[in-house]
């Protein structure tokens, strides 16, 4: 899984980033970070989850 820094090194700085809670429908929700790329459609959304070492890692992405 790519780290947040690897994503930024590859794609550049995101247009915006948000912190939130993912997995709210599961027994153990977790904090996640969402990076948003693109101003027009299609746009890219990359979700990151902190691993056990404290590094944000990609766990999901979507083009919309």
PDB file of N, CA and C in Angstrom:
ATOM      1  N   UNK A   1       0.835  -1.178   0.000  1.00  0.00           N
ATOM      2  CA  UNK A   1       0.000   0.000   0.000  1.00  0.00           C
ATOM      3  C   UNK A   1       0.881   1.243   0.000  1.00  0.00           C
ATOM      4  N   UNK A   2       0.497   2.182  -0.822  1.00  0.00           N
ATOM      5  CA  UNK A   2       1.262   3.426  -0.917  1.00  0.00           C
ATOM      6  C   UNK A   2       1.041   4.283   0.319  1.00  0.00           C
ATOM      7  N   UNK A   3       2.093   4.995   0.704  1.00  0.00           N
ATOM      8  CA  UNK A   3       1.965   5.948   1.795  1.00  0.00           C
ATOM      9  C   UNK A   3       1.435   7.270   1.253  1.00  0.00           C
ATOM     10  N   UNK A   4       0.992   8.131   2.147  1.00  0.00           N
ATOM     11  CA  UNK A   4       0.529   9.454   1.743  1.00  0.00           C
ATOM     12  C   UNK A   4       1.643  10.196   1.004  1.00  0.00           C
ATOM     13  N   UNK A   5       2.867  10.103   1.500  1.00  0.00           N
ATOM     14  CA  UNK A   5       3.978  10.801   0.850  1.00  0.00           C
ATOM     15  C   UNK A   5       4.237  10.269  -0.549  1.00  0.00           C
ATOM     16  N   UNK A   6       4.114   8.968  -0.757  1.00  0.00           N
ATOM     17  CA  UNK A   6       4.292   8.403  -2.089  1.00  0.00           C
ATOM     18  C   UNK A   6       3.211   8.902  -3.047  1.00  0.00           C
ATOM     19  N   UNK A   7       1.979   9.038  -2.556  1.00  0.00           N
ATOM     20  CA  UNK A   7       0.900   9.579  -3.383  1.00  0.00           C
ATOM     21  C   UNK A   7       1.236  11.008  -3.786  1.00  0.00           C
ATOM     22  N   UNK A   8       1.646  11.833  -2.818  1.00  0.00           N
ATOM     23  CA  UNK A   8       1.980  13.228  -3.098  1.00  0.00           C
ATOM     24  C   UNK A   8       3.184  13.324  -4.023  1.00  0.00           C
ATOM     25  N   UNK A   9       4.187  12.477  -3.830  1.00  0.00           N
ATOM     26  CA  UNK A   9       5.354  12.466  -4.720  1.00  0.00           C
ATOM     27  C   UNK A   9       4.946  12.129  -6.149  1.00  0.00           C
ATOM     28  N   UNK A  10       3.941  11.269  -6.311  1.00  0.00           N
ATOM     29  CA  UNK A  10       3.496  10.827  -7.633  1.00  0.00           C
ATOM     30  C   UNK A  10       2.519  11.808  -8.278  1.00  0.00           C
ATOM     31  N   UNK A  11       1.539  12.270  -7.517  1.00  0.00           N
ATOM     32  CA  UNK A  11       0.452  13.081  -8.080  1.00  0.00           C
ATOM     33  C   UNK A  11       0.551  14.572  -7.760  1.00  0.00           C
ATOM     34  N   UNK A  12       1.421  14.929  -6.838  1.00  0.00           N
ATOM     35  CA  UNK A  12       1.512  16.319  -6.398  1.00  0.00           C
ATOM     36  C   UNK A  12       0.562  16.566  -5.232  1.00  0.00           C
ATOM     37  N   UNK A  13       0.493  17.814  -4.800  1.00  0.00           N
ATOM     38  CA  UNK A  13      -0.373  18.174  -3.677  1.00  0.00           C
ATOM     39  C   UNK A  13      -1.844  18.048  -4.093  1.00  0.00           C
ATOM     40  N   UNK A  14      -2.678  17.526  -3.210  1.00  0.00           N
ATOM     41  CA  UNK A  14      -4.105  17.427  -3.532  1.00  0.00           C
ATOM     42  C   UNK A  14      -4.764  18.806  -3.531  1.00  0.00           C
ATOM     43  N   UNK A  15      -5.900  18.907  -4.208  1.00  0.00           N
ATOM     44  CA  UNK A  15      -6.681  20.147  -4.200  1.00  0.00           C
ATOM     45  C   UNK A  15      -7.184  20.432  -2.796  1.00  0.00           C
ATOM     46  N   UNK A  16      -7.569  19.367  -2.075  1.00  0.00           N
ATOM     47  CA  UNK A  16      -8.004  19.505  -0.682  1.00  0.00           C
ATOM     48  C   UNK A  16      -7.820  18.173   0.031  1.00  0.00           C
ATOM     49  N   UNK A  17      -7.874  18.223   1.357  1.00  0.00           N
ATOM     50  CA  UNK A  17      -7.764  17.022   2.186  1.00  0.00           C
ATOM     51  C   UNK A  17      -8.697  17.181   3.379  1.00  0.00           C
ATOM     52  N   UNK A  18      -9.332  16.086   3.775  1.00  0.00           N
ATOM     53  CA  UNK A  18     -10.272  16.098   4.893  1.00  0.00           C
ATOM     54  C   UNK A  18      -9.967  14.944   5.836  1.00  0.00           C
ATOM     55  N   UNK A  19     -10.152  15.179   7.135  1.00  0.00           N
ATOM     56  CA  UNK A  19     -10.110  14.109   8.125  1.00  0.00           C
ATOM     57  C   UNK A  19     -11.546  13.756   8.481  1.00  0.00           C
ATOM     58  N   UNK A  20     -11.792  12.467   8.689  1.00  0.00           N
ATOM     59  CA  UNK A  20     -13.140  12.044   9.044  1.00  0.00           C
ATOM     60  C   UNK A  20     -13.120  10.660   9.651  1.00  0.00           C
ATOM     61  N   UNK A  21     -14.293  10.098   9.801  1.00  0.00           N
ATOM     62  CA  UNK A  21     -14.441   8.754  10.338  1.00  0.00           C
ATOM     63  C   UNK A  21     -14.975   7.855   9.236  1.00  0.00           C
ATOM     64  N   UNK A  22     -14.290   6.763   8.995  1.00  0.00           N
ATOM     65  CA  UNK A  22     -14.708   5.771   8.006  1.00  0.00           C
ATOM     66  C   UNK A  22     -15.186   4.521   8.735  1.00  0.00           C
ATOM     67  N   UNK A  23     -15.912   3.697   8.020  1.00  0.00           N
ATOM     68  CA  UNK A  23     -16.363   2.430   8.584  1.00  0.00           C
ATOM     69  C   UNK A  23     -17.412   2.590   9.666  1.00  0.00           C
ATOM     70  N   UNK A  24     -18.242   3.621   9.559  1.00  0.00           N
ATOM     71  CA  UNK A  24     -19.234   3.869  10.598  1.00  0.00           C
ATOM     72  C   UNK A  24     -20.278   2.761  10.700  1.00  0.00           C
ATOM     73  N   UNK A  25     -20.423   1.966   9.660  1.00  0.00           N
ATOM     74  CA  UNK A  25     -21.377   0.858   9.695  1.00  0.00           C
ATOM     75  C   UNK A  25     -20.735  -0.424  10.228  1.00  0.00           C
ATOM     76  N   UNK A  26     -19.494  -0.340  10.669  1.00  0.00           N
ATOM     77  CA  UNK A  26     -18.790  -1.506  11.201  1.00  0.00           C
ATOM     78  C   UNK A  26     -18.687  -1.391  12.730  1.00  0.00           C
ATOM     79  N   UNK A  27     -18.340  -2.481  13.390  1.00  0.00           N
ATOM     80  CA  UNK A  27     -18.200  -2.420  14.849  1.00  0.00           C
ATOM     81  C   UNK A  27     -17.044  -1.516  15.316  1.00  0.00           C
ATOM     82  N   UNK A  28     -16.039  -1.308  14.462  1.00  0.00           N
ATOM     83  CA  UNK A  28     -14.878  -0.510  14.857  1.00  0.00           C
ATOM     84  C   UNK A  28     -14.572   0.568  13.820  1.00  0.00           C
ATOM     85  N   UNK A  29     -15.290   1.696  13.834  1.00  0.00           N
ATOM     86  CA  UNK A  29     -14.964   2.788  12.913  1.00  0.00           C
ATOM     87  C   UNK A  29     -13.521   3.269  13.153  1.00  0.00           C
ATOM     88  N   UNK A  30     -12.940   3.899  12.134  1.00  0.00           N
ATOM     89  CA  UNK A  30     -11.566   4.369  12.236  1.00  0.00           C
ATOM     90  C   UNK A  30     -11.442   5.763  11.623  1.00  0.00           C
ATOM     91  N   UNK A  31     -10.405   6.486  12.040  1.00  0.00           N
ATOM     92  CA  UNK A  31     -10.130   7.792  11.474  1.00  0.00           C
ATOM     93  C   UNK A  31      -9.509   7.594  10.093  1.00  0.00           C
ATOM     94  N   UNK A  32      -9.970   8.383   9.143  1.00  0.00           N
ATOM     95  CA  UNK A  32      -9.406   8.304   7.798  1.00  0.00           C
ATOM     96  C   UNK A  32      -9.162   9.717   7.267  1.00  0.00           C
ATOM     97  N   UNK A  33      -8.311   9.785   6.281  1.00  0.00           N
ATOM     98  CA  UNK A  33      -7.989  11.043   5.603  1.00  0.00           C
ATOM     99  C   UNK A  33      -8.344  10.859   4.139  1.00  0.00           C
ATOM    100  N   UNK A  34      -8.985  11.861   3.548  1.00  0.00           N
ATOM    101  CA  UNK A  34      -9.361  11.802   2.138  1.00  0.00           C
ATOM    102  C   UNK A  34      -8.648  12.909   1.382  1.00  0.00           C
ATOM    103  N   UNK A  35      -7.937  12.527   0.328  1.00  0.00           N
ATOM    104  CA  UNK A  35      -7.253  13.483  -0.551  1.00  0.00           C
ATOM    105  C   UNK A  35      -8.091  13.632  -1.812  1.00  0.00           C
ATOM    106  N   UNK A  36      -8.316  14.871  -2.237  1.00  0.00           N
ATOM    107  CA  UNK A  36      -9.121  15.152  -3.426  1.00  0.00           C
ATOM    108  C   UNK A  36      -8.226  15.755  -4.510  1.00  0.00           C
ATOM    109  N   UNK A  37      -8.259  15.155  -5.695  1.00  0.00           N
ATOM    110  CA  UNK A  37      -7.496  15.631  -6.847  1.00  0.00           C
ATOM    111  C   UNK A  37      -8.460  15.958  -7.982  1.00  0.00           C
ATOM    112  N   UNK A  38      -8.218  17.059  -8.657  1.00  0.00           N
ATOM    113  CA  UNK A  38      -8.996  17.418  -9.832  1.00  0.00           C
ATOM    114  C   UNK A  38     -10.062  18.446  -9.530  1.00  0.00           C
ATOM    115  N   UNK A  39     -10.278  19.318 -10.504  1.00  0.00           N
ATOM    116  CA  UNK A  39     -11.295  20.348 -10.361  1.00  0.00           C
ATOM    117  C   UNK A  39     -12.525  20.037 -11.195  1.00  0.00           C
ATOM    118  N   UNK A  40     -12.387  19.149 -12.143  1.00  0.00           N
ATOM    119  CA  UNK A  40     -13.480  18.807 -13.043  1.00  0.00           C
ATOM    120  C   UNK A  40     -13.644  17.297 -13.037  1.00  0.00           C
ATOM    121  N   UNK A  41     -14.718  16.834 -13.643  1.00  0.00           N
ATOM    122  CA  UNK A  41     -14.933  15.391 -13.754  1.00  0.00           C
ATOM    123  C   UNK A  41     -14.129  14.879 -14.935  1.00  0.00           C
ATOM    124  N   UNK A  42     -13.437  13.772 -14.865  1.00  0.00           N
ATOM    125  CA  UNK A  42     -13.374  12.953 -13.662  1.00  0.00           C
ATOM    126  C   UNK A  42     -12.394  13.527 -12.636  1.00  0.00           C
ATOM    127  N   UNK A  43     -12.683  13.281 -11.389  1.00  0.00           N
ATOM    128  CA  UNK A  43     -11.826  13.658 -10.276  1.00  0.00           C
ATOM    129  C   UNK A  43     -11.413  12.394  -9.533  1.00  0.00           C
ATOM    130  N   UNK A  44     -10.343  12.492  -8.786  1.00  0.00           N
ATOM    131  CA  UNK A  44      -9.805  11.345  -8.050  1.00  0.00           C
ATOM    132  C   UNK A  44      -9.923  11.616  -6.559  1.00  0.00           C
ATOM    133  N   UNK A  45     -10.427  10.628  -5.813  1.00  0.00           N
ATOM    134  CA  UNK A  45     -10.509  10.694  -4.362  1.00  0.00           C
ATOM    135  C   UNK A  45      -9.717   9.513  -3.813  1.00  0.00           C
ATOM    136  N   UNK A  46      -8.765   9.790  -2.936  1.00  0.00           N
ATOM    137  CA  UNK A  46      -7.940   8.746  -2.338  1.00  0.00           C
ATOM    138  C   UNK A  46      -8.158   8.768  -0.836  1.00  0.00           C
ATOM    139  N   UNK A  47      -8.505   7.611  -0.252  1.00  0.00           N
ATOM    140  CA  UNK A  47      -8.698   7.522   1.189  1.00  0.00           C
ATOM    141  C   UNK A  47      -7.513   6.807   1.815  1.00  0.00           C
ATOM    142  N   UNK A  48      -7.084   7.350   2.944  1.00  0.00           N
ATOM    143  CA  UNK A  48      -5.927   6.837   3.665  1.00  0.00           C
ATOM    144  C   UNK A  48      -6.340   6.408   5.071  1.00  0.00           C
ATOM    145  N   UNK A  49      -5.649   5.402   5.570  1.00  0.00           N
ATOM    146  CA  UNK A  49      -5.865   4.907   6.935  1.00  0.00           C
ATOM    147  C   UNK A  49      -4.498   4.810   7.598  1.00  0.00           C
ATOM    148  N   UNK A  50      -4.410   5.239   8.858  1.00  0.00           N
ATOM    149  CA  UNK A  50      -3.133   5.194   9.561  1.00  0.00           C
ATOM    150  C   UNK A  50      -2.809   3.753   9.950  1.00  0.00           C
ATOM    151  N   UNK A  51      -1.578   3.326   9.636  1.00  0.00           N
ATOM    152  CA  UNK A  51      -1.166   1.976  10.007  1.00  0.00           C
ATOM    153  C   UNK A  51      -0.572   1.971  11.419  1.00  0.00           C
ATOM    154  N   UNK A  52      -0.109   0.807  11.858  1.00  0.00           N
ATOM    155  CA  UNK A  52       0.399   0.652  13.221  1.00  0.00           C
ATOM    156  C   UNK A  52       1.680   1.443  13.484  1.00  0.00           C
ATOM    157  N   UNK A  53       2.349   1.908  12.422  1.00  0.00           N
ATOM    158  CA  UNK A  53       3.572   2.705  12.607  1.00  0.00           C
ATOM    159  C   UNK A  53       3.282   4.204  12.599  1.00  0.00           C
ATOM    160  N   UNK A  54       2.002   4.576  12.405  1.00  0.00           N
ATOM    161  CA  UNK A  54       1.646   5.988  12.365  1.00  0.00           C
ATOM    162  C   UNK A  54       1.751   6.605  10.979  1.00  0.00           C
ATOM    163  N   UNK A  55       1.890   5.766   9.952  1.00  0.00           N
ATOM    164  CA  UNK A  55       1.985   6.237   8.568  1.00  0.00           C
ATOM    165  C   UNK A  55       0.618   6.136   7.901  1.00  0.00           C
ATOM    166  N   UNK A  56       0.192   7.220   7.250  1.00  0.00           N
ATOM    167  CA  UNK A  56      -1.058   7.181   6.485  1.00  0.00           C
ATOM    168  C   UNK A  56      -0.820   6.371   5.214  1.00  0.00           C
ATOM    169  N   UNK A  57      -1.685   5.369   4.956  1.00  0.00           N
ATOM    170  CA  UNK A  57      -1.558   4.491   3.792  1.00  0.00           C
ATOM    171  C   UNK A  57      -2.878   4.426   3.029  1.00  0.00           C
ATOM    172  N   UNK A  58      -2.774   4.323   1.703  1.00  0.00           N
ATOM    173  CA  UNK A  58      -3.951   4.227   0.848  1.00  0.00           C
ATOM    174  C   UNK A  58      -4.695   2.929   1.154  1.00  0.00           C
ATOM    175  N   UNK A  59      -6.010   3.035   1.369  1.00  0.00           N
ATOM    176  CA  UNK A  59      -6.819   1.818   1.494  1.00  0.00           C
ATOM    177  C   UNK A  59      -7.960   1.825   0.479  1.00  0.00           C
ATOM    178  N   UNK A  60      -8.208   2.973  -0.160  1.00  0.00           N
ATOM    179  CA  UNK A  60      -9.297   3.038  -1.128  1.00  0.00           C
ATOM    180  C   UNK A  60      -9.084   4.236  -2.051  1.00  0.00           C
ATOM    181  N   UNK A  61      -9.592   4.112  -3.276  1.00  0.00           N
ATOM    182  CA  UNK A  61      -9.570   5.256  -4.198  1.00  0.00           C
ATOM    183  C   UNK A  61     -10.754   5.124  -5.131  1.00  0.00           C
ATOM    184  N   UNK A  62     -11.152   6.256  -5.691  1.00  0.00           N
ATOM    185  CA  UNK A  62     -12.298   6.252  -6.579  1.00  0.00           C
ATOM    186  C   UNK A  62     -12.170   7.403  -7.566  1.00  0.00           C
ATOM    187  N   UNK A  63     -12.570   7.152  -8.782  1.00  0.00           N
ATOM    188  CA  UNK A  63     -12.636   8.195  -9.819  1.00  0.00           C
ATOM    189  C   UNK A  63     -14.119   8.486 -10.016  1.00  0.00           C
ATOM    190  N   UNK A  64     -14.480   9.749  -9.935  1.00  0.00           N
ATOM    191  CA  UNK A  64     -15.889  10.105 -10.097  1.00  0.00           C
ATOM    192  C   UNK A  64     -16.048  11.360 -10.916  1.00  0.00           C
TER     193      UNK A  64
END
